């Protein structure tokens, strides 16, 4: 993987995202450019499925850097996130030393806690030098981790170092490019946020979501793509839904309908494929049937009105 230079301007950052197929807006490009320019972690918050994780993937690919991902979850600890010792290999080393008559405990202790027995997890990997340059370090869904682990990250994000009692402090020669994402299932402590630049990743408007569908699902016809986006936008306006569909679900649904050779939304097909778009049974039951038909009819009427206005006719 060949590393490329960091973007020199906001426009270059927009072009970098666009070159990787990511349809971003200028506000995102601005904060991303500043994070790269200032060497600060970027804290991305937003609903699930709006493209936060994809930003880190796109950045790593565009810059030719390694992507190191730490997927957070409840109970995540240092041994899973930072390092642990290869206990099996250490036991073999002890047995071999004992069989050879080497019983000097000081030498044996130094031997078994050598770096060759260290299993490096994502945090430690992100601090290591790389020929392609500092990696992109994605700390994904931090809100799923416990507050104790969040507190541990303060040392990493402040000084880009970790301390291993048996080896000492390991410090990055060059700080990694850090992207932190959260779905806001809980609040992240201010002490960590202060170390980052912040950006809220919102659902895209209709025009940008249509551009995303056209880019990511090129097999979808123009009419199908527009109606899919209009349907999803209508669902997001429904505050009674437990979970509104994200961009990921929009793309999945457009892909599914394309595979079914649909050229436009059909109310019956919409009801049959809602499991691709919505992930909770109560939401599916609310939309299935008459509600799906109503939304499709509204989309068709709006399309007819726009066509009539474009043709100079008086809409009825």
C-alpha atoms as a PDB file:
ATOM      1  CA  UNK A   1       0.000   0.000   0.000  1.00  0.00           C
ATOM      2  CA  UNK A   2       1.475   3.331  -1.094  1.00  0.00           C
ATOM      3  CA  UNK A   3       0.918   6.306   1.210  1.00  0.00           C
ATOM      4  CA  UNK A   4      -0.263   9.620  -0.220  1.00  0.00           C
ATOM      5  CA  UNK A   5       0.046  13.128   1.150  1.00  0.00           C
ATOM      6  CA  UNK A   6      -2.591  14.543   3.472  1.00  0.00           C
ATOM      7  CA  UNK A   7      -5.091  16.853   1.731  1.00  0.00           C
ATOM      8  CA  UNK A   8      -3.909  20.465   1.598  1.00  0.00           C
ATOM      9  CA  UNK A   9      -7.336  22.109   1.741  1.00  0.00           C
ATOM     10  CA  UNK A  10     -11.015  21.528   2.432  1.00  0.00           C
ATOM     11  CA  UNK A  11     -11.649  21.153  -1.299  1.00  0.00           C
ATOM     12  CA  UNK A  12      -8.905  18.531  -1.502  1.00  0.00           C
ATOM     13  CA  UNK A  13     -10.546  16.683   1.391  1.00  0.00           C
ATOM     14  CA  UNK A  14     -13.901  16.720  -0.398  1.00  0.00           C
ATOM     15  CA  UNK A  15     -12.194  15.408  -3.520  1.00  0.00           C
ATOM     16  CA  UNK A  16     -10.474  12.697  -1.461  1.00  0.00           C
ATOM     17  CA  UNK A  17     -13.815  11.506  -0.095  1.00  0.00           C
ATOM     18  CA  UNK A  18     -15.471  11.697  -3.495  1.00  0.00           C
ATOM     19  CA  UNK A  19     -12.629   9.756  -5.097  1.00  0.00           C
ATOM     20  CA  UNK A  20     -13.416   6.862  -2.767  1.00  0.00           C
ATOM     21  CA  UNK A  21     -17.133   6.977  -3.486  1.00  0.00           C
ATOM     22  CA  UNK A  22     -18.103   8.697  -0.239  1.00  0.00           C
ATOM     23  CA  UNK A  23     -20.679  11.441  -0.786  1.00  0.00           C
ATOM     24  CA  UNK A  24     -19.909  13.862   2.038  1.00  0.00           C
ATOM     25  CA  UNK A  25     -20.841  17.468   2.693  1.00  0.00           C
ATOM     26  CA  UNK A  26     -18.539  20.441   3.193  1.00  0.00           C
ATOM     27  CA  UNK A  27     -18.967  20.560   6.972  1.00  0.00           C
ATOM     28  CA  UNK A  28     -17.641  17.006   7.269  1.00  0.00           C
ATOM     29  CA  UNK A  29     -14.756  17.778   4.907  1.00  0.00           C
ATOM     30  CA  UNK A  30     -13.897  20.855   6.979  1.00  0.00           C
ATOM     31  CA  UNK A  31     -13.663  19.079  10.332  1.00  0.00           C
ATOM     32  CA  UNK A  32     -11.842  16.127   8.749  1.00  0.00           C
ATOM     33  CA  UNK A  33      -9.290  18.461   7.168  1.00  0.00           C
ATOM     34  CA  UNK A  34      -8.745  20.211  10.505  1.00  0.00           C
ATOM     35  CA  UNK A  35      -8.351  16.899  12.347  1.00  0.00           C
ATOM     36  CA  UNK A  36      -5.657  15.821   9.872  1.00  0.00           C
ATOM     37  CA  UNK A  37      -3.981  19.238   9.857  1.00  0.00           C
ATOM     38  CA  UNK A  38      -3.909  19.621  13.646  1.00  0.00           C
ATOM     39  CA  UNK A  39      -3.228  15.977  14.436  1.00  0.00           C
ATOM     40  CA  UNK A  40      -6.327  15.732  16.642  1.00  0.00           C
ATOM     41  CA  UNK A  41      -8.659  12.741  17.050  1.00  0.00           C
ATOM     42  CA  UNK A  42     -11.997  13.119  15.288  1.00  0.00           C
ATOM     43  CA  UNK A  43     -15.086  12.248  17.339  1.00  0.00           C
ATOM     44  CA  UNK A  44     -18.015  11.270  15.095  1.00  0.00           C
ATOM     45  CA  UNK A  45     -21.452  10.981  16.658  1.00  0.00           C
ATOM     46  CA  UNK A  46     -24.734  10.039  15.008  1.00  0.00           C
ATOM     47  CA  UNK A  47     -27.385   7.394  14.549  1.00  0.00           C
ATOM     48  CA  UNK A  48     -26.388   3.888  13.510  1.00  0.00           C
ATOM     49  CA  UNK A  49     -26.046   3.427   9.770  1.00  0.00           C
ATOM     50  CA  UNK A  50     -25.284   7.018   8.730  1.00  0.00           C
ATOM     51  CA  UNK A  51     -21.745   6.249   7.517  1.00  0.00           C
ATOM     52  CA  UNK A  52     -19.482   7.063  10.476  1.00  0.00           C
ATOM     53  CA  UNK A  53     -17.384   3.897  10.273  1.00  0.00           C
ATOM     54  CA  UNK A  54     -17.147   4.241   6.509  1.00  0.00           C
ATOM     55  CA  UNK A  55     -15.337   7.569   6.912  1.00  0.00           C
ATOM     56  CA  UNK A  56     -12.391   5.832   8.591  1.00  0.00           C
ATOM     57  CA  UNK A  57     -12.315   3.105   5.919  1.00  0.00           C
ATOM     58  CA  UNK A  58     -12.404   5.665   3.116  1.00  0.00           C
ATOM     59  CA  UNK A  59      -9.678   7.742   4.756  1.00  0.00           C
ATOM     60  CA  UNK A  60      -7.357   4.754   5.156  1.00  0.00           C
ATOM     61  CA  UNK A  61      -7.897   3.669   1.562  1.00  0.00           C
ATOM     62  CA  UNK A  62      -7.465   7.178   0.139  1.00  0.00           C
ATOM     63  CA  UNK A  63      -4.286   7.899   2.107  1.00  0.00           C
ATOM     64  CA  UNK A  64      -2.784   4.447   1.593  1.00  0.00           C
ATOM     65  CA  UNK A  65      -2.619   3.832   5.352  1.00  0.00           C
ATOM     66  CA  UNK A  66      -3.307   0.716   7.371  1.00  0.00           C
ATOM     67  CA  UNK A  67      -6.725   0.632   9.027  1.00  0.00           C
ATOM     68  CA  UNK A  68      -6.659  -0.660  12.600  1.00  0.00           C
ATOM     69  CA  UNK A  69     -10.114  -1.146  14.065  1.00  0.00           C
ATOM     70  CA  UNK A  70     -11.002  -1.506  17.721  1.00  0.00           C
ATOM     71  CA  UNK A  71     -14.613  -2.656  17.946  1.00  0.00           C
ATOM     72  CA  UNK A  72     -15.905  -1.683  21.377  1.00  0.00           C
ATOM     73  CA  UNK A  73     -18.319  -3.744  23.442  1.00  0.00           C
ATOM     74  CA  UNK A  74     -19.406  -4.091  27.045  1.00  0.00           C
ATOM     75  CA  UNK A  75     -16.632  -5.677  29.113  1.00  0.00           C
ATOM     76  CA  UNK A  76     -13.811  -4.651  26.751  1.00  0.00           C
ATOM     77  CA  UNK A  77     -10.590  -4.638  28.757  1.00  0.00           C
ATOM     78  CA  UNK A  78      -6.862  -4.016  28.338  1.00  0.00           C
ATOM     79  CA  UNK A  79      -6.054  -7.626  27.393  1.00  0.00           C
ATOM     80  CA  UNK A  80      -8.498  -7.458  24.466  1.00  0.00           C
ATOM     81  CA  UNK A  81      -7.779  -3.882  23.391  1.00  0.00           C
ATOM     82  CA  UNK A  82      -4.095  -3.283  24.122  1.00  0.00           C
ATOM     83  CA  UNK A  83      -2.012  -6.400  24.741  1.00  0.00           C
ATOM     84  CA  UNK A  84      -1.729  -9.718  26.507  1.00  0.00           C
ATOM     85  CA  UNK A  85       1.036 -12.218  27.037  1.00  0.00           C
ATOM     86  CA  UNK A  86       1.199 -15.479  25.128  1.00  0.00           C
ATOM     87  CA  UNK A  87       0.869 -17.661  28.209  1.00  0.00           C
ATOM     88  CA  UNK A  88       1.068 -20.956  26.312  1.00  0.00           C
ATOM     89  CA  UNK A  89       4.365 -19.972  24.671  1.00  0.00           C
ATOM     90  CA  UNK A  90       5.689 -18.695  28.009  1.00  0.00           C
ATOM     91  CA  UNK A  91       4.917 -22.033  29.666  1.00  0.00           C
ATOM     92  CA  UNK A  92       6.785 -23.857  26.905  1.00  0.00           C
ATOM     93  CA  UNK A  93       9.766 -21.524  27.437  1.00  0.00           C
ATOM     94  CA  UNK A  94       9.717 -22.265  31.171  1.00  0.00           C
ATOM     95  CA  UNK A  95       9.581 -26.035  30.598  1.00  0.00           C
ATOM     96  CA  UNK A  96      12.433 -25.890  28.085  1.00  0.00           C
ATOM     97  CA  UNK A  97      14.552 -23.801  30.465  1.00  0.00           C
ATOM     98  CA  UNK A  98      13.899 -26.185  33.355  1.00  0.00           C
ATOM     99  CA  UNK A  99      14.779 -29.187  31.189  1.00  0.00           C
ATOM    100  CA  UNK A 100      18.042 -27.510  30.222  1.00  0.00           C
ATOM    101  CA  UNK A 101      18.854 -26.869  33.873  1.00  0.00           C
ATOM    102  CA  UNK A 102      18.496 -23.103  33.580  1.00  0.00           C
ATOM    103  CA  UNK A 103      16.908 -22.218  36.935  1.00  0.00           C
ATOM    104  CA  UNK A 104      18.011 -18.608  37.341  1.00  0.00           C
ATOM    105  CA  UNK A 105      14.669 -16.978  38.117  1.00  0.00           C
ATOM    106  CA  UNK A 106      15.785 -13.448  37.230  1.00  0.00           C
ATOM    107  CA  UNK A 107      17.018 -14.471  33.783  1.00  0.00           C
ATOM    108  CA  UNK A 108      13.960 -16.673  33.226  1.00  0.00           C
ATOM    109  CA  UNK A 109      11.584 -13.861  34.199  1.00  0.00           C
ATOM    110  CA  UNK A 110      13.339 -11.486  31.815  1.00  0.00           C
ATOM    111  CA  UNK A 111      13.233 -14.113  29.083  1.00  0.00           C
ATOM    112  CA  UNK A 112       9.529 -14.957  29.264  1.00  0.00           C
ATOM    113  CA  UNK A 113       8.495 -11.301  29.337  1.00  0.00           C
ATOM    114  CA  UNK A 114      10.409 -10.474  26.162  1.00  0.00           C
ATOM    115  CA  UNK A 115       8.584  -8.738  23.330  1.00  0.00           C
ATOM    116  CA  UNK A 116       8.413 -11.939  21.289  1.00  0.00           C
ATOM    117  CA  UNK A 117       5.807 -13.250  23.752  1.00  0.00           C
ATOM    118  CA  UNK A 118       3.703 -10.098  23.533  1.00  0.00           C
ATOM    119  CA  UNK A 119       0.395 -10.371  21.660  1.00  0.00           C
ATOM    120  CA  UNK A 120      -0.339  -6.906  20.309  1.00  0.00           C
ATOM    121  CA  UNK A 121      -3.958  -5.818  20.188  1.00  0.00           C
ATOM    122  CA  UNK A 122      -5.365  -2.829  18.221  1.00  0.00           C
ATOM    123  CA  UNK A 123      -4.250  -0.020  20.575  1.00  0.00           C
ATOM    124  CA  UNK A 124      -0.646  -1.223  20.621  1.00  0.00           C
ATOM    125  CA  UNK A 125      -0.690  -1.909  16.874  1.00  0.00           C
ATOM    126  CA  UNK A 126      -1.837   1.673  16.260  1.00  0.00           C
ATOM    127  CA  UNK A 127       1.204   3.033  18.090  1.00  0.00           C
ATOM    128  CA  UNK A 128       3.715   1.053  16.049  1.00  0.00           C
ATOM    129  CA  UNK A 129       5.626   2.648  13.153  1.00  0.00           C
ATOM    130  CA  UNK A 130       4.622   1.645   9.637  1.00  0.00           C
ATOM    131  CA  UNK A 131       6.299   2.066   6.270  1.00  0.00           C
ATOM    132  CA  UNK A 132       3.084   3.536   4.861  1.00  0.00           C
ATOM    133  CA  UNK A 133       2.873   6.138   7.622  1.00  0.00           C
ATOM    134  CA  UNK A 134       0.802   6.392  10.800  1.00  0.00           C
ATOM    135  CA  UNK A 135      -2.273   4.175  10.508  1.00  0.00           C
ATOM    136  CA  UNK A 136      -5.909   5.186  10.717  1.00  0.00           C
ATOM    137  CA  UNK A 137      -7.017   4.004  14.152  1.00  0.00           C
ATOM    138  CA  UNK A 138     -10.780   3.470  14.294  1.00  0.00           C
ATOM    139  CA  UNK A 139     -12.270   3.228  17.786  1.00  0.00           C
ATOM    140  CA  UNK A 140     -15.723   2.077  16.765  1.00  0.00           C
ATOM    141  CA  UNK A 141     -18.890   2.471  18.877  1.00  0.00           C
ATOM    142  CA  UNK A 142     -17.096   3.708  21.990  1.00  0.00           C
ATOM    143  CA  UNK A 143     -20.436   4.144  23.748  1.00  0.00           C
ATOM    144  CA  UNK A 144     -20.726   0.344  23.966  1.00  0.00           C
ATOM    145  CA  UNK A 145     -17.588   0.095  26.124  1.00  0.00           C
ATOM    146  CA  UNK A 146     -17.551   0.635  29.878  1.00  0.00           C
ATOM    147  CA  UNK A 147     -16.603   3.981  31.390  1.00  0.00           C
ATOM    148  CA  UNK A 148     -13.475   2.393  32.899  1.00  0.00           C
ATOM    149  CA  UNK A 149     -12.122   1.626  29.431  1.00  0.00           C
ATOM    150  CA  UNK A 150     -13.071   5.100  28.263  1.00  0.00           C
ATOM    151  CA  UNK A 151     -10.930   6.492  31.106  1.00  0.00           C
ATOM    152  CA  UNK A 152      -8.015   4.290  30.018  1.00  0.00           C
ATOM    153  CA  UNK A 153      -8.141   5.849  26.545  1.00  0.00           C
ATOM    154  CA  UNK A 154      -7.307   9.246  28.004  1.00  0.00           C
ATOM    155  CA  UNK A 155      -3.612   8.309  28.292  1.00  0.00           C
ATOM    156  CA  UNK A 156      -3.594   6.956  24.761  1.00  0.00           C
ATOM    157  CA  UNK A 157      -5.233  10.047  23.247  1.00  0.00           C
ATOM    158  CA  UNK A 158      -3.260  12.519  25.365  1.00  0.00           C
ATOM    159  CA  UNK A 159       0.270  11.213  24.829  1.00  0.00           C
ATOM    160  CA  UNK A 160      -0.163   8.386  22.309  1.00  0.00           C
ATOM    161  CA  UNK A 161       1.487   5.941  24.652  1.00  0.00           C
ATOM    162  CA  UNK A 162       0.672   2.908  26.767  1.00  0.00           C
ATOM    163  CA  UNK A 163       2.511   1.469  29.726  1.00  0.00           C
ATOM    164  CA  UNK A 164       3.295  -2.236  29.967  1.00  0.00           C
ATOM    165  CA  UNK A 165       4.621  -3.002  33.465  1.00  0.00           C
ATOM    166  CA  UNK A 166       7.065  -5.675  32.269  1.00  0.00           C
ATOM    167  CA  UNK A 167       8.427  -3.636  29.330  1.00  0.00           C
ATOM    168  CA  UNK A 168       7.859   0.009  30.231  1.00  0.00           C
ATOM    169  CA  UNK A 169       6.192   2.794  28.268  1.00  0.00           C
ATOM    170  CA  UNK A 170       5.645   2.383  24.544  1.00  0.00           C
ATOM    171  CA  UNK A 171       5.157   5.674  22.712  1.00  0.00           C
ATOM    172  CA  UNK A 172       4.211   6.277  19.081  1.00  0.00           C
ATOM    173  CA  UNK A 173       6.910   7.872  16.939  1.00  0.00           C
ATOM    174  CA  UNK A 174       4.121   9.559  14.970  1.00  0.00           C
ATOM    175  CA  UNK A 175       0.546   9.783  16.267  1.00  0.00           C
ATOM    176  CA  UNK A 176      -1.995   7.672  14.381  1.00  0.00           C
ATOM    177  CA  UNK A 177      -4.999   9.247  12.682  1.00  0.00           C
ATOM    178  CA  UNK A 178      -7.711   8.562  15.258  1.00  0.00           C
ATOM    179  CA  UNK A 179     -11.402   8.301  14.373  1.00  0.00           C
ATOM    180  CA  UNK A 180     -13.820   7.645  17.249  1.00  0.00           C
ATOM    181  CA  UNK A 181     -17.464   6.790  16.568  1.00  0.00           C
ATOM    182  CA  UNK A 182     -20.448   6.588  18.883  1.00  0.00           C
ATOM    183  CA  UNK A 183     -24.155   5.918  18.359  1.00  0.00           C
ATOM    184  CA  UNK A 184     -24.942   7.976  21.468  1.00  0.00           C
ATOM    185  CA  UNK A 185     -26.471   5.147  23.474  1.00  0.00           C
ATOM    186  CA  UNK A 186     -24.769   6.867  26.415  1.00  0.00           C
ATOM    187  CA  UNK A 187     -22.877  10.112  26.893  1.00  0.00           C
ATOM    188  CA  UNK A 188     -19.089  10.069  26.559  1.00  0.00           C
ATOM    189  CA  UNK A 189     -17.163  11.893  29.283  1.00  0.00           C
ATOM    190  CA  UNK A 190     -16.168  15.484  28.569  1.00  0.00           C
ATOM    191  CA  UNK A 191     -12.509  14.760  29.384  1.00  0.00           C
ATOM    192  CA  UNK A 192     -12.270  12.510  26.346  1.00  0.00           C
ATOM    193  CA  UNK A 193     -14.300  14.796  24.090  1.00  0.00           C
ATOM    194  CA  UNK A 194     -11.987  17.730  24.911  1.00  0.00           C
ATOM    195  CA  UNK A 195      -9.129  15.862  23.252  1.00  0.00           C
ATOM    196  CA  UNK A 196     -11.056  15.557  19.998  1.00  0.00           C
ATOM    197  CA  UNK A 197     -12.655  17.573  17.253  1.00  0.00           C
ATOM    198  CA  UNK A 198     -16.384  16.861  17.095  1.00  0.00           C
ATOM    199  CA  UNK A 199     -18.807  16.287  14.239  1.00  0.00           C
ATOM    200  CA  UNK A 200     -22.409  15.125  14.217  1.00  0.00           C
ATOM    201  CA  UNK A 201     -23.069  12.848  11.230  1.00  0.00           C
ATOM    202  CA  UNK A 202     -26.731  13.308  10.381  1.00  0.00           C
ATOM    203  CA  UNK A 203     -29.014  11.496   7.973  1.00  0.00           C
ATOM    204  CA  UNK A 204     -28.447  12.927   4.475  1.00  0.00           C
ATOM    205  CA  UNK A 205     -31.065  15.037   2.766  1.00  0.00           C
ATOM    206  CA  UNK A 206     -32.870  13.581  -0.247  1.00  0.00           C
ATOM    207  CA  UNK A 207     -30.472  14.978  -2.846  1.00  0.00           C
ATOM    208  CA  UNK A 208     -27.365  13.632  -1.114  1.00  0.00           C
ATOM    209  CA  UNK A 209     -28.958  10.273  -0.355  1.00  0.00           C
ATOM    210  CA  UNK A 210     -29.965   9.930  -4.010  1.00  0.00           C
ATOM    211  CA  UNK A 211     -26.366  10.649  -5.012  1.00  0.00           C
ATOM    212  CA  UNK A 212     -25.209   7.944  -2.577  1.00  0.00           C
ATOM    213  CA  UNK A 213     -27.657   5.394  -4.013  1.00  0.00           C
ATOM    214  CA  UNK A 214     -26.643   6.239  -7.575  1.00  0.00           C
ATOM    215  CA  UNK A 215     -22.977   5.842  -6.624  1.00  0.00           C
ATOM    216  CA  UNK A 216     -23.288   2.661  -4.566  1.00  0.00           C
ATOM    217  CA  UNK A 217     -26.097   0.860  -6.418  1.00  0.00           C
ATOM    218  CA  UNK A 218     -25.456   1.695 -10.081  1.00  0.00           C
ATOM    219  CA  UNK A 219     -27.781  -1.105 -11.213  1.00  0.00           C
ATOM    220  CA  UNK A 220     -30.826   0.667  -9.803  1.00  0.00           C
ATOM    221  CA  UNK A 221     -32.800   2.600 -12.402  1.00  0.00           C
ATOM    222  CA  UNK A 222     -33.326   6.334 -11.998  1.00  0.00           C
ATOM    223  CA  UNK A 223     -37.011   5.996 -11.105  1.00  0.00           C
ATOM    224  CA  UNK A 224     -36.427   3.216  -8.579  1.00  0.00           C
ATOM    225  CA  UNK A 225     -33.572   5.110  -6.933  1.00  0.00           C
ATOM    226  CA  UNK A 226     -35.660   8.271  -6.575  1.00  0.00           C
ATOM    227  CA  UNK A 227     -38.673   6.430  -5.170  1.00  0.00           C
ATOM    228  CA  UNK A 228     -36.558   4.400  -2.737  1.00  0.00           C
ATOM    229  CA  UNK A 229     -34.981   7.585  -1.390  1.00  0.00           C
ATOM    230  CA  UNK A 230     -38.347   9.348  -1.175  1.00  0.00           C
ATOM    231  CA  UNK A 231     -39.848   6.388   0.723  1.00  0.00           C
ATOM    232  CA  UNK A 232     -36.949   6.275   3.203  1.00  0.00           C
ATOM    233  CA  UNK A 233     -37.090  10.034   3.712  1.00  0.00           C
ATOM    234  CA  UNK A 234     -40.809   9.712   4.495  1.00  0.00           C
ATOM    235  CA  UNK A 235     -40.104   6.998   7.059  1.00  0.00           C
ATOM    236  CA  UNK A 236     -37.491   9.160   8.780  1.00  0.00           C
ATOM    237  CA  UNK A 237     -40.129  11.853   9.227  1.00  0.00           C
ATOM    238  CA  UNK A 238     -42.262   9.346  11.184  1.00  0.00           C
ATOM    239  CA  UNK A 239     -41.292   9.876  14.806  1.00  0.00           C
ATOM    240  CA  UNK A 240     -43.340   6.872  15.951  1.00  0.00           C
ATOM    241  CA  UNK A 241     -40.856   4.407  14.454  1.00  0.00           C
ATOM    242  CA  UNK A 242     -38.595   2.752  17.009  1.00  0.00           C
ATOM    243  CA  UNK A 243     -35.586   2.814  14.650  1.00  0.00           C
ATOM    244  CA  UNK A 244     -35.479   4.912  11.539  1.00  0.00           C
ATOM    245  CA  UNK A 245     -33.597   3.377   8.595  1.00  0.00           C
ATOM    246  CA  UNK A 246     -30.023   4.526   8.037  1.00  0.00           C
ATOM    247  CA  UNK A 247     -28.167   4.983   4.785  1.00  0.00           C
ATOM    248  CA  UNK A 248     -26.874   1.411   5.037  1.00  0.00           C
ATOM    249  CA  UNK A 249     -30.475   0.135   5.026  1.00  0.00           C
ATOM    250  CA  UNK A 250     -31.350   2.391   2.091  1.00  0.00           C
ATOM    251  CA  UNK A 251     -28.519   0.855   0.069  1.00  0.00           C
ATOM    252  CA  UNK A 252     -29.471  -2.674   1.105  1.00  0.00           C
ATOM    253  CA  UNK A 253     -33.085  -2.087   0.090  1.00  0.00           C
ATOM    254  CA  UNK A 254     -32.183  -0.504  -3.248  1.00  0.00           C
ATOM    255  CA  UNK A 255     -29.867  -3.448  -3.941  1.00  0.00           C
ATOM    256  CA  UNK A 256     -32.550  -5.982  -2.992  1.00  0.00           C
ATOM    257  CA  UNK A 257     -35.200  -4.368  -5.186  1.00  0.00           C
ATOM    258  CA  UNK A 258     -32.730  -4.205  -8.072  1.00  0.00           C
ATOM    259  CA  UNK A 259     -32.003  -7.917  -7.665  1.00  0.00           C
ATOM    260  CA  UNK A 260     -35.780  -8.511  -7.831  1.00  0.00           C
ATOM    261  CA  UNK A 261     -35.840  -6.630 -11.159  1.00  0.00           C
ATOM    262  CA  UNK A 262     -38.079  -3.862  -9.813  1.00  0.00           C
ATOM    263  CA  UNK A 263     -38.089  -0.625 -11.814  1.00  0.00           C
ATOM    264  CA  UNK A 264     -40.353   1.298  -9.439  1.00  0.00           C
ATOM    265  CA  UNK A 265     -41.886   0.863  -6.015  1.00  0.00           C
ATOM    266  CA  UNK A 266     -44.825  -1.498  -5.865  1.00  0.00           C
ATOM    267  CA  UNK A 267     -46.819  -1.384  -2.585  1.00  0.00           C
ATOM    268  CA  UNK A 268     -47.038  -5.166  -2.317  1.00  0.00           C
ATOM    269  CA  UNK A 269     -43.321  -5.605  -2.978  1.00  0.00           C
ATOM    270  CA  UNK A 270     -42.569  -2.845  -0.467  1.00  0.00           C
ATOM    271  CA  UNK A 271     -44.499  -4.744   2.202  1.00  0.00           C
ATOM    272  CA  UNK A 272     -42.748  -7.999   1.320  1.00  0.00           C
ATOM    273  CA  UNK A 273     -39.253  -6.498   1.543  1.00  0.00           C
ATOM    274  CA  UNK A 274     -39.612  -4.259   4.604  1.00  0.00           C
ATOM    275  CA  UNK A 275     -37.376  -6.641   6.569  1.00  0.00           C
ATOM    276  CA  UNK A 276     -34.449  -5.340   4.520  1.00  0.00           C
ATOM    277  CA  UNK A 277     -35.225  -1.751   5.463  1.00  0.00           C
ATOM    278  CA  UNK A 278     -36.624  -1.973   9.012  1.00  0.00           C
ATOM    279  CA  UNK A 279     -35.205  -4.129  11.794  1.00  0.00           C
ATOM    280  CA  UNK A 280     -37.990  -4.150  14.379  1.00  0.00           C
ATOM    281  CA  UNK A 281     -41.226  -6.101  13.980  1.00  0.00           C
ATOM    282  CA  UNK A 282     -43.388  -3.323  15.446  1.00  0.00           C
ATOM    283  CA  UNK A 283     -42.006  -0.903  12.846  1.00  0.00           C
ATOM    284  CA  UNK A 284     -42.599  -3.394  10.033  1.00  0.00           C
ATOM    285  CA  UNK A 285     -46.196  -3.990  11.133  1.00  0.00           C
ATOM    286  CA  UNK A 286     -46.826  -0.261  11.302  1.00  0.00           C
ATOM    287  CA  UNK A 287     -45.629   0.368   7.750  1.00  0.00           C
ATOM    288  CA  UNK A 288     -46.753  -2.836   6.035  1.00  0.00           C
ATOM    289  CA  UNK A 289     -49.934  -2.744   3.963  1.00  0.00           C
ATOM    290  CA  UNK A 290     -52.013   0.428   3.904  1.00  0.00           C
ATOM    291  CA  UNK A 291     -49.262   2.730   5.233  1.00  0.00           C
ATOM    292  CA  UNK A 292     -46.793   1.507   2.598  1.00  0.00           C
ATOM    293  CA  UNK A 293     -49.435   2.031  -0.095  1.00  0.00           C
ATOM    294  CA  UNK A 294     -50.188   5.534   1.193  1.00  0.00           C
ATOM    295  CA  UNK A 295     -46.510   6.552   1.096  1.00  0.00           C
ATOM    296  CA  UNK A 296     -46.046   5.148  -2.419  1.00  0.00           C
ATOM    297  CA  UNK A 297     -49.191   6.981  -3.608  1.00  0.00           C
ATOM    298  CA  UNK A 298     -47.914  10.231  -2.082  1.00  0.00           C
ATOM    299  CA  UNK A 299     -44.593   9.783  -3.884  1.00  0.00           C
ATOM    300  CA  UNK A 300     -46.359   9.184  -7.194  1.00  0.00           C
ATOM    301  CA  UNK A 301     -48.579  12.246  -6.769  1.00  0.00           C
ATOM    302  CA  UNK A 302     -45.556  14.397  -5.931  1.00  0.00           C
ATOM    303  CA  UNK A 303     -43.707  13.066  -8.996  1.00  0.00           C
ATOM    304  CA  UNK A 304     -46.731  13.814 -11.215  1.00  0.00           C
ATOM    305  CA  UNK A 305     -46.952  17.338  -9.784  1.00  0.00           C
ATOM    306  CA  UNK A 306     -43.268  17.992 -10.452  1.00  0.00           C
ATOM    307  CA  UNK A 307     -43.593  16.680 -14.022  1.00  0.00           C
ATOM    308  CA  UNK A 308     -46.622  18.884 -14.643  1.00  0.00           C
ATOM    309  CA  UNK A 309     -44.829  21.958 -13.322  1.00  0.00           C
ATOM    310  CA  UNK A 310     -41.777  21.149 -15.438  1.00  0.00           C
ATOM    311  CA  UNK A 311     -43.995  20.860 -18.511  1.00  0.00           C
ATOM    312  CA  UNK A 312     -45.686  24.168 -17.717  1.00  0.00           C
ATOM    313  CA  UNK A 313     -49.098  22.592 -17.068  1.00  0.00           C
ATOM    314  CA  UNK A 314     -51.396  23.483 -14.211  1.00  0.00           C
ATOM    315  CA  UNK A 315     -51.258  20.694 -11.576  1.00  0.00           C
ATOM    316  CA  UNK A 316     -54.638  19.487 -10.362  1.00  0.00           C
END
